[in-house]
Amino acid sequence: MIKFFRLGFLFGFLFWSFSILWIYDAINFYGAGTFLSSLLTFLLIAYLSLYFGLFGMAVHFFKDHKYRLFLIPSSFFLLEWVKSWMISGFPWLNLGIIFESLWGLLPIVGVSGTSFVMLLIICAILEKNIYVKTVVPILFTGLLLFGPGHYQKISEENSDLTVTVVQPANLGLDGLIELTNKADSNIVVWPEASAWYSGNAFSTDKRIIGGFFRREESKTFTAVIDASNGEGYNKHNLVPFGEFQPFGDLLIGINSFFNIPNSRISRGAFVQDKLNWSGLVCWELVFNNTFIERAKGTEFIIHVSNDSWYGSSMPAQHLKHARARSVESNKWVVRSTTDGLSQIISPQNEQSSKLLNRKEYGSITHTIKTNTDDTIYLKIGDWPILIFSLLACLMGYIFRGNNEN
């Protein structure tokens, strides 16, 4: 079993080293230094690789089980689920999001459920039963390739809404206002942390919805706010070390020595008052529960972010998550970032706006369709597969000895 753990860990280490090397840039952005940035990046990659190692052990444990076809995908699903909340959670680049051509089931089972289906296909191919190894892969591969995620539409009867996203790059607040005043629509979306919110005190008659800092009594929140009325969403899933200290005051001395920010941003509530639009700040977009809670019953999604300190590869991965959320919910995602990548995203990719690339400043104006109808995934989330996987692995462990081939 240790051999399988090592093989899984090695595969995971290679995958995460290739995928999230941008973590180094994020840590080093504030001057942590080469040594500390490298060490923390290595530790994070090693931590994430543990889940692949544990999956390797699960494969070995269940490889001779009569119901391995379901137990191995269930094990993988549970490990991705645990990874999404353990410590502060890292639900980044789950298997189901990687290949856009396989997003056919996103409106039904979401990204995590797609991971389950992909593992189910692989396990079926390796089965000895000729019917299982042909029918199951053909059926589910067909659903991934040609399922509703690739052709769902929003009713033409739904309202049109013209919006603008601005990408100021290094122009600052004055540049933001200048771009806003030139916008070809009355609703303009600003990126994350554009300014402190103190009412609509900006030199424009446009309706601004954007990322702001705001104070409520003694607490400071980062939020996405409609500046015309103060309504919005406080960020719930904060970035460890960058926005909050996961270990309390334990590492304050170390943070000070290495010049790591020790922000005191307060965490917004998980459940907040609903608006006709849903707002998500930065990486809380990738948390399934937060996304479902915000997007359910709303007309469209606003995503604001500042990806400028994460290197060159992270923004493209972040954009892919935003595109997946649009398909999962069958709602438009209006995404504004400080210096790329910004886009107004349709559930049907060919209807999306043009893309504002890295370091490019400017704006995009595009007409979207509002949609309050929720997909199956928004209605039920990950619960059905989560419950099935928990029960399957529990029963598979208990009755392993009586079910071997």
Protein backbone atom coordinates (compact mmCIF):
# COMPACT_ATOMS: atom_id res chain seq x y z
CA MET A 1 0.00 0.00 0.00
CA ILE A 2 2.91 2.35 0.71
CA LYS A 3 4.07 1.85 -2.88
CA PHE A 4 0.71 3.05 -4.18
CA PHE A 5 0.85 6.06 -1.88
CA ARG A 6 4.29 6.97 -3.20
CA LEU A 7 3.18 6.63 -6.82
CA GLY A 8 0.10 8.76 -6.18
CA PHE A 9 2.11 11.35 -4.28
CA LEU A 10 4.71 11.56 -7.07
CA PHE A 11 2.02 12.02 -9.70
CA GLY A 12 0.35 14.68 -7.55
CA PHE A 13 3.64 16.48 -6.97
CA LEU A 14 4.31 16.66 -10.71
CA PHE A 15 0.75 17.81 -11.45
CA TRP A 16 0.66 20.54 -8.81
CA SER A 17 4.22 21.68 -9.56
CA PHE A 18 3.17 22.28 -13.14
CA SER A 19 -0.22 23.77 -12.26
CA ILE A 20 0.30 26.13 -9.33
CA LEU A 21 3.88 27.34 -9.54
CA TRP A 22 2.31 30.81 -9.59
CA ILE A 23 1.96 30.45 -5.80
CA TYR A 24 5.65 31.40 -5.65
CA ASP A 25 4.93 34.72 -7.37
CA ALA A 26 2.01 35.41 -5.03
CA ILE A 27 4.12 34.84 -1.90
CA ASN A 28 7.14 36.70 -3.23
CA PHE A 29 5.05 39.67 -4.39
CA TYR A 30 5.31 41.30 -0.97
CA GLY A 31 9.02 40.67 -0.64
CA ALA A 32 9.05 37.40 1.30
CA GLY A 33 12.27 36.47 -0.47
CA THR A 34 13.34 33.59 -2.68
CA PHE A 35 14.01 31.10 0.10
CA LEU A 36 10.74 31.54 2.01
CA SER A 37 8.66 31.78 -1.16
CA SER A 38 10.22 28.58 -2.48
CA LEU A 39 9.79 26.78 0.84
CA LEU A 40 6.12 27.71 1.24
CA THR A 41 5.39 26.82 -2.38
CA PHE A 42 7.06 23.44 -1.90
CA LEU A 43 5.08 22.79 1.30
CA LEU A 44 1.76 23.65 -0.38
CA ILE A 45 2.52 21.41 -3.37
CA ALA A 46 3.55 18.60 -1.02
CA TYR A 47 0.35 19.04 1.01
CA LEU A 48 -1.88 18.89 -2.07
CA SER A 49 0.04 15.85 -3.33
CA LEU A 50 -0.98 13.97 -0.19
CA TYR A 51 -4.50 13.66 -1.60
CA PHE A 52 -3.20 11.88 -4.69
CA GLY A 53 -1.15 9.65 -2.41
CA LEU A 54 -4.23 8.79 -0.37
CA PHE A 55 -6.12 8.09 -3.58
CA GLY A 56 -3.35 5.69 -4.59
CA MET A 57 -3.89 3.86 -1.32
CA ALA A 58 -7.66 3.76 -1.93
CA VAL A 59 -7.09 2.25 -5.39
CA HIS A 60 -4.92 -0.48 -3.85
CA PHE A 61 -7.39 -1.08 -1.01
CA PHE A 62 -10.43 -1.47 -3.29
CA LYS A 63 -8.81 -2.93 -6.43
CA ASP A 64 -10.15 -6.44 -5.77
CA HIS A 65 -13.51 -5.36 -4.39
CA LYS A 66 -16.64 -6.50 -6.18
CA TYR A 67 -17.92 -2.90 -6.33
CA ARG A 68 -14.63 -1.16 -7.13
CA LEU A 69 -16.34 0.45 -10.15
CA PHE A 70 -18.13 2.77 -7.70
CA LEU A 71 -15.73 2.74 -4.76
CA ILE A 72 -12.71 4.18 -6.57
CA PRO A 73 -14.60 7.17 -8.07
CA SER A 74 -16.25 7.71 -4.67
CA SER A 75 -12.86 7.79 -2.98
CA PHE A 76 -11.60 10.38 -5.47
CA PHE A 77 -14.73 12.52 -5.05
CA LEU A 78 -14.41 12.48 -1.25
CA LEU A 79 -10.75 13.46 -1.39
CA GLU A 80 -11.51 16.41 -3.68
CA TRP A 81 -14.32 17.38 -1.31
CA VAL A 82 -12.06 17.25 1.76
CA LYS A 83 -9.41 19.27 -0.10
CA SER A 84 -12.02 21.95 -0.73
CA TRP A 85 -12.51 22.71 2.99
CA MET A 86 -9.51 21.32 4.93
CA ILE A 87 -7.60 24.16 6.66
CA SER A 88 -9.15 26.99 4.61
CA GLY A 89 -9.82 24.90 1.52
CA PHE A 90 -8.18 24.67 -1.90
CA PRO A 91 -10.81 23.57 -4.46
CA TRP A 92 -8.58 24.67 -7.33
CA LEU A 93 -8.27 22.73 -10.61
CA ASN A 94 -10.39 19.75 -9.65
CA LEU A 95 -10.23 17.06 -12.32
CA GLY A 96 -13.68 17.88 -13.71
CA ILE A 97 -12.70 21.41 -14.71
CA ILE A 98 -9.57 20.67 -16.71
CA PHE A 99 -11.06 19.60 -20.06
CA GLU A 100 -13.70 22.00 -21.38
CA SER A 101 -14.79 19.49 -24.01
CA LEU A 102 -16.04 17.28 -21.12
CA TRP A 103 -18.32 19.88 -19.51
CA GLY A 104 -21.53 18.33 -20.79
CA LEU A 105 -22.80 17.34 -17.33
CA LEU A 106 -21.83 20.52 -15.45
CA PRO A 107 -25.45 21.81 -15.22
CA ILE A 108 -26.44 18.50 -13.59
CA VAL A 109 -23.52 17.34 -11.41
CA GLY A 110 -21.09 20.27 -11.47
CA VAL A 111 -17.32 20.17 -11.66
CA SER A 112 -16.88 17.78 -8.73
CA GLY A 113 -19.52 15.40 -10.07
CA THR A 114 -17.75 15.46 -13.43
CA SER A 115 -14.60 14.28 -11.63
CA PHE A 116 -16.62 11.35 -10.30
CA VAL A 117 -17.94 10.49 -13.79
CA MET A 118 -14.46 10.66 -15.35
CA LEU A 119 -13.09 8.21 -12.78
CA LEU A 120 -16.14 5.98 -13.30
CA ILE A 121 -15.34 5.82 -17.03
CA ILE A 122 -11.70 4.93 -16.40
CA CYS A 123 -12.62 2.21 -13.90
CA ALA A 124 -15.24 0.76 -16.26
CA ILE A 125 -12.70 0.48 -19.08
CA LEU A 126 -10.48 -1.60 -16.78
CA GLU A 127 -13.28 -4.00 -15.79
CA LYS A 128 -13.33 -7.55 -17.16
CA ASN A 129 -17.06 -7.67 -17.91
CA ILE A 130 -17.43 -6.84 -21.60
CA TYR A 131 -20.77 -5.08 -21.11
CA VAL A 132 -19.48 -2.89 -18.30
CA LYS A 133 -16.27 -1.95 -20.13
CA THR A 134 -18.17 -0.92 -23.28
CA VAL A 135 -21.64 0.34 -22.30
CA VAL A 136 -20.63 2.45 -19.28
CA PRO A 137 -17.74 4.31 -21.00
CA ILE A 138 -19.76 4.93 -24.18
CA LEU A 139 -22.81 6.18 -22.25
CA PHE A 140 -21.01 8.52 -19.87
CA THR A 141 -18.40 9.75 -22.35
CA GLY A 142 -21.29 10.64 -24.65
CA LEU A 143 -22.93 12.62 -21.83
CA LEU A 144 -19.69 14.47 -21.09
CA LEU A 145 -19.11 15.29 -24.77
CA PHE A 146 -22.69 16.02 -25.83
CA GLY A 147 -24.59 16.71 -22.61
CA PRO A 148 -26.65 19.83 -21.85
CA GLY A 149 -23.63 21.84 -20.78
CA HIS A 150 -22.69 22.20 -24.45
CA TYR A 151 -26.02 23.41 -25.80
CA GLN A 152 -28.20 24.84 -23.01
CA LYS A 153 -29.82 28.17 -23.78
CA ILE A 154 -31.51 31.01 -21.93
CA SER A 155 -35.05 31.73 -23.07
CA GLU A 156 -35.39 34.58 -25.56
CA GLU A 157 -38.25 35.86 -23.41
CA ASN A 158 -35.78 36.79 -20.66
CA SER A 159 -34.65 40.40 -20.37
CA ASP A 160 -31.56 41.80 -22.06
CA LEU A 161 -29.09 43.85 -20.01
CA THR A 162 -26.14 45.81 -21.36
CA VAL A 163 -23.15 45.98 -19.01
CA THR A 164 -19.56 47.21 -19.13
CA VAL A 165 -16.52 45.81 -17.36
CA VAL A 166 -13.45 47.98 -16.94
CA GLN A 167 -9.86 46.82 -16.58
CA PRO A 168 -7.74 49.72 -15.32
CA ALA A 169 -4.33 47.98 -15.25
CA ASN A 170 -2.12 50.56 -13.50
CA LEU A 171 -4.31 53.62 -14.05
CA GLY A 172 -5.62 53.82 -10.48
CA LEU A 173 -8.91 55.37 -9.35
CA ASP A 174 -8.75 58.34 -11.74
CA GLY A 175 -8.25 55.92 -14.65
CA LEU A 176 -11.18 53.84 -13.45
CA ILE A 177 -13.47 56.87 -13.39
CA GLU A 178 -12.28 57.97 -16.82
CA LEU A 179 -13.02 54.51 -18.28
CA THR A 180 -16.37 54.52 -16.51
CA ASN A 181 -17.44 57.85 -17.94
CA LYS A 182 -16.60 56.61 -21.44
CA ALA A 183 -18.61 53.39 -21.02
CA ASP A 184 -21.37 52.62 -23.51
CA SER A 185 -23.76 51.36 -20.82
CA ASN A 186 -25.18 52.64 -17.56
CA ILE A 187 -23.98 49.63 -15.50
CA VAL A 188 -20.22 49.50 -15.08
CA VAL A 189 -18.40 46.76 -13.14
CA TRP A 190 -15.12 47.58 -11.40
CA PRO A 191 -12.51 44.99 -10.26
CA GLU A 192 -11.70 43.84 -6.74
CA ALA A 193 -10.47 46.34 -4.12
CA SER A 194 -10.86 49.35 -6.39
CA ALA A 195 -11.39 51.84 -3.55
CA TRP A 196 -12.92 52.35 -0.11
CA TYR A 197 -16.70 52.47 -0.27
CA SER A 198 -18.31 55.57 1.20
CA GLY A 199 -21.44 55.94 -0.88
CA ASN A 200 -21.56 56.84 -4.56
CA ALA A 201 -19.00 59.62 -4.21
CA PHE A 202 -17.41 59.10 -7.62
CA SER A 203 -17.42 61.65 -10.43
CA THR A 204 -19.78 59.77 -12.68
CA ASP A 205 -23.48 59.32 -13.27
CA LYS A 206 -23.06 55.63 -14.10
CA ARG A 207 -24.29 52.82 -11.85
CA ILE A 208 -21.09 51.28 -10.50
CA ILE A 209 -20.98 47.73 -9.15
CA GLY A 210 -17.50 46.77 -8.08
CA GLY A 211 -15.01 45.49 -5.57
CA PHE A 212 -14.56 47.77 -2.57
CA PHE A 213 -13.27 47.76 0.98
CA ARG A 214 -15.89 48.82 3.50
CA ARG A 215 -16.09 49.24 7.26
CA GLU A 216 -18.99 48.05 9.37
CA GLU A 217 -18.54 49.13 12.98
CA SER A 218 -15.10 47.76 13.96
CA LYS A 219 -14.85 45.28 11.07
CA THR A 220 -13.31 45.69 7.62
CA PHE A 221 -14.67 43.69 4.70
CA THR A 222 -13.69 43.27 1.11
CA ALA A 223 -16.87 43.15 -0.91
CA VAL A 224 -18.64 43.56 -4.22
CA ILE A 225 -21.05 46.49 -3.83
CA ASP A 226 -23.59 48.41 -5.86
CA ALA A 227 -22.29 51.93 -5.17
CA SER A 228 -25.69 53.46 -5.93
CA ASN A 229 -27.37 51.88 -2.89
CA GLY A 230 -24.68 50.09 -0.84
CA GLU A 231 -26.12 46.62 -1.45
CA GLY A 232 -23.72 43.79 -2.07
CA TYR A 233 -21.87 40.74 -0.74
CA ASN A 234 -19.03 40.62 1.75
CA LYS A 235 -16.32 38.14 0.86
CA HIS A 236 -16.70 34.86 2.77
CA ASN A 237 -13.76 32.73 1.56
CA LEU A 238 -10.69 34.76 2.45
CA VAL A 239 -7.16 34.17 1.16
CA PRO A 240 -4.92 32.68 3.90
CA PHE A 241 -2.08 34.97 5.02
CA GLY A 242 -3.01 37.58 2.38
CA GLU A 243 -6.38 38.47 3.96
CA PHE A 244 -6.42 36.61 7.24
CA GLN A 245 -4.06 34.72 9.51
CA PRO A 246 -5.22 31.06 9.68
CA PHE A 247 -3.18 30.45 12.84
CA GLY A 248 -4.33 33.52 14.75
CA ASP A 249 -1.49 35.47 16.36
CA LEU A 250 0.88 32.50 16.35
CA LEU A 251 2.83 33.60 13.26
CA ILE A 252 2.74 37.38 13.66
CA GLY A 253 6.46 37.56 14.50
CA ILE A 254 7.41 35.37 11.57
CA ASN A 255 5.19 37.34 9.19
CA SER A 256 6.73 40.60 10.32
CA PHE A 257 10.27 39.25 9.85
CA PHE A 258 9.63 38.05 6.31
CA ASN A 259 7.37 41.01 5.38
CA ILE A 260 4.28 38.86 4.78
CA PRO A 261 1.05 40.86 5.14
CA ASN A 262 -0.99 39.97 8.19
CA SER A 263 -4.28 41.46 7.10
CA ARG A 264 -7.23 41.64 9.44
CA ILE A 265 -10.04 41.36 6.92
CA SER A 266 -13.27 40.08 8.48
CA ARG A 267 -15.08 37.10 7.01
CA GLY A 268 -18.50 37.77 5.53
CA ALA A 269 -21.38 35.51 6.49
CA PHE A 270 -22.02 32.43 4.39
CA VAL A 271 -25.70 33.33 3.97
CA GLN A 272 -26.31 36.96 2.98
CA ASP A 273 -29.32 38.89 1.71
CA LYS A 274 -30.16 38.03 -1.89
CA LEU A 275 -30.06 40.57 -4.71
CA ASN A 276 -31.13 40.17 -8.31
CA TRP A 277 -27.43 39.65 -9.13
CA SER A 278 -24.92 37.48 -7.28
CA GLY A 279 -21.46 38.73 -6.35
CA LEU A 280 -18.27 36.74 -5.85
CA VAL A 281 -14.89 38.17 -4.90
CA CYS A 282 -11.64 36.65 -6.19
CA TRP A 283 -11.15 32.97 -5.39
CA GLU A 284 -14.42 32.42 -3.52
CA LEU A 285 -15.73 31.77 -7.03
CA VAL A 286 -14.12 28.30 -6.88
CA PHE A 287 -15.85 27.20 -3.65
CA ASN A 288 -18.87 25.11 -4.63
CA ASN A 289 -21.03 25.85 -1.59
CA THR A 290 -20.39 29.59 -1.71
CA PHE A 291 -21.08 29.72 -5.43
CA ILE A 292 -24.35 27.77 -5.14
CA GLU A 293 -25.57 29.89 -2.21
CA ARG A 294 -24.85 33.15 -4.07
CA ALA A 295 -25.98 32.19 -7.58
CA LYS A 296 -29.22 30.37 -6.77
CA GLY A 297 -32.25 32.40 -7.80
CA THR A 298 -30.29 35.36 -9.20
CA GLU A 299 -30.34 36.78 -12.72
CA PHE A 300 -26.60 36.99 -13.45
CA ILE A 301 -23.25 36.70 -11.68
CA ILE A 302 -20.64 39.39 -11.06
CA HIS A 303 -17.09 38.22 -10.37
CA VAL A 304 -14.45 40.76 -9.36
CA SER A 305 -10.80 39.93 -8.84
CA ASN A 306 -7.25 41.24 -8.70
CA ASP A 307 -4.98 38.57 -10.18
CA SER A 308 -2.02 40.90 -10.77
CA TRP A 309 0.19 39.38 -8.07
CA TYR A 310 -0.30 35.71 -9.03
CA GLY A 311 2.06 35.41 -12.00
CA SER A 312 1.24 34.61 -15.61
CA SER A 313 -0.58 31.23 -15.52
CA MET A 314 -3.06 31.74 -12.68
CA PRO A 315 -5.37 34.27 -14.44
CA ALA A 316 -6.08 31.80 -17.26
CA GLN A 317 -6.97 29.12 -14.70
CA HIS A 318 -9.18 31.59 -12.84
CA LEU A 319 -10.97 32.51 -16.06
CA LYS A 320 -11.60 28.81 -16.73
CA HIS A 321 -13.28 28.49 -13.33
CA ALA A 322 -15.51 31.47 -14.18
CA ARG A 323 -16.46 29.87 -17.51
CA ALA A 324 -17.29 26.60 -15.76
CA ARG A 325 -19.53 28.43 -13.28
CA SER A 326 -21.42 30.01 -16.16
CA VAL A 327 -22.08 26.57 -17.64
CA GLU A 328 -23.00 25.05 -14.25
CA SER A 329 -25.57 27.77 -13.56
CA ASN A 330 -26.67 28.64 -17.12
CA LYS A 331 -26.17 32.29 -16.15
CA TRP A 332 -23.90 34.98 -17.55
CA VAL A 333 -20.76 35.80 -15.53
CA VAL A 334 -19.61 39.42 -15.69
CA ARG A 335 -15.93 39.28 -14.73
CA SER A 336 -13.80 42.35 -14.07
CA THR A 337 -10.15 42.14 -13.00
CA THR A 338 -7.49 44.75 -12.35
CA ASP A 339 -5.15 43.77 -15.16
CA GLY A 340 -6.60 40.67 -16.81
CA LEU A 341 -8.15 38.46 -17.73
CA SER A 342 -11.55 40.18 -17.95
CA GLN A 343 -14.54 38.95 -19.94
CA ILE A 344 -18.33 38.89 -20.01
CA ILE A 345 -19.00 35.17 -20.16
CA SER A 346 -21.95 33.33 -21.65
CA PRO A 347 -22.97 29.74 -20.85
CA GLN A 348 -22.50 29.28 -24.60
CA ASN A 349 -18.87 30.25 -25.08
CA GLU A 350 -19.33 31.52 -28.64
CA GLN A 351 -21.68 34.24 -27.31
CA SER A 352 -19.14 35.58 -24.80
CA SER A 353 -17.56 38.98 -25.23
CA LYS A 354 -14.03 39.62 -26.37
CA LEU A 355 -11.26 39.10 -23.82
CA LEU A 356 -9.14 41.79 -22.18
CA ASN A 357 -5.67 40.27 -21.87
CA ARG A 358 -3.03 40.64 -19.18
CA LYS A 359 -1.65 44.14 -18.63
CA GLU A 360 -4.18 45.54 -21.09
CA TYR A 361 -6.35 48.44 -19.98
CA GLY A 362 -9.72 49.25 -21.40
CA SER A 363 -13.34 48.20 -21.19
CA ILE A 364 -15.82 45.75 -22.70
CA THR A 365 -19.49 46.46 -23.27
CA HIS A 366 -21.76 43.53 -24.00
CA THR A 367 -25.43 42.61 -23.82
CA ILE A 368 -26.35 39.65 -21.63
CA LYS A 369 -29.51 37.65 -20.93
CA THR A 370 -30.79 37.58 -17.35
CA ASN A 371 -31.96 34.19 -16.04
CA THR A 372 -33.51 33.32 -12.68
CA ASP A 373 -34.12 29.67 -13.59
CA ASP A 374 -31.70 27.41 -11.72
CA THR A 375 -30.01 24.35 -13.16
CA ILE A 376 -30.26 20.98 -11.45
CA TYR A 377 -26.79 21.52 -10.02
CA LEU A 378 -27.73 24.85 -8.43
CA LYS A 379 -30.79 23.21 -6.88
CA ILE A 380 -29.12 20.12 -5.37
CA GLY A 381 -25.39 20.85 -5.39
CA ASP A 382 -22.92 18.08 -4.55
CA TRP A 383 -25.11 16.44 -1.90
CA PRO A 384 -26.37 13.40 -3.85
CA ILE A 385 -22.90 12.26 -4.95
CA LEU A 386 -21.38 13.21 -1.60
CA ILE A 387 -23.88 11.08 0.34
CA PHE A 388 -23.53 8.21 -2.14
CA SER A 389 -19.72 8.35 -1.93
CA LEU A 390 -19.69 8.44 1.87
CA LEU A 391 -22.04 5.47 2.14
CA ALA A 392 -20.27 3.54 -0.62
CA CYS A 393 -16.82 3.91 0.95
CA LEU A 394 -18.13 3.13 4.41
CA MET A 395 -19.90 -0.03 3.27
CA GLY A 396 -17.00 -0.96 1.00
CA TYR A 397 -14.61 -0.78 3.93
CA ILE A 398 -16.85 -2.69 6.31
CA PHE A 399 -17.66 -5.49 3.88
CA ARG A 400 -14.42 -5.61 1.94
CA GLY A 401 -13.54 -9.09 3.11
CA ASN A 402 -16.85 -10.56 1.97
CA ASN A 403 -16.92 -8.93 -1.47
CA GLU A 404 -13.56 -9.67 -3.03
CA ASN A 405 -13.53 -11.39 -6.44
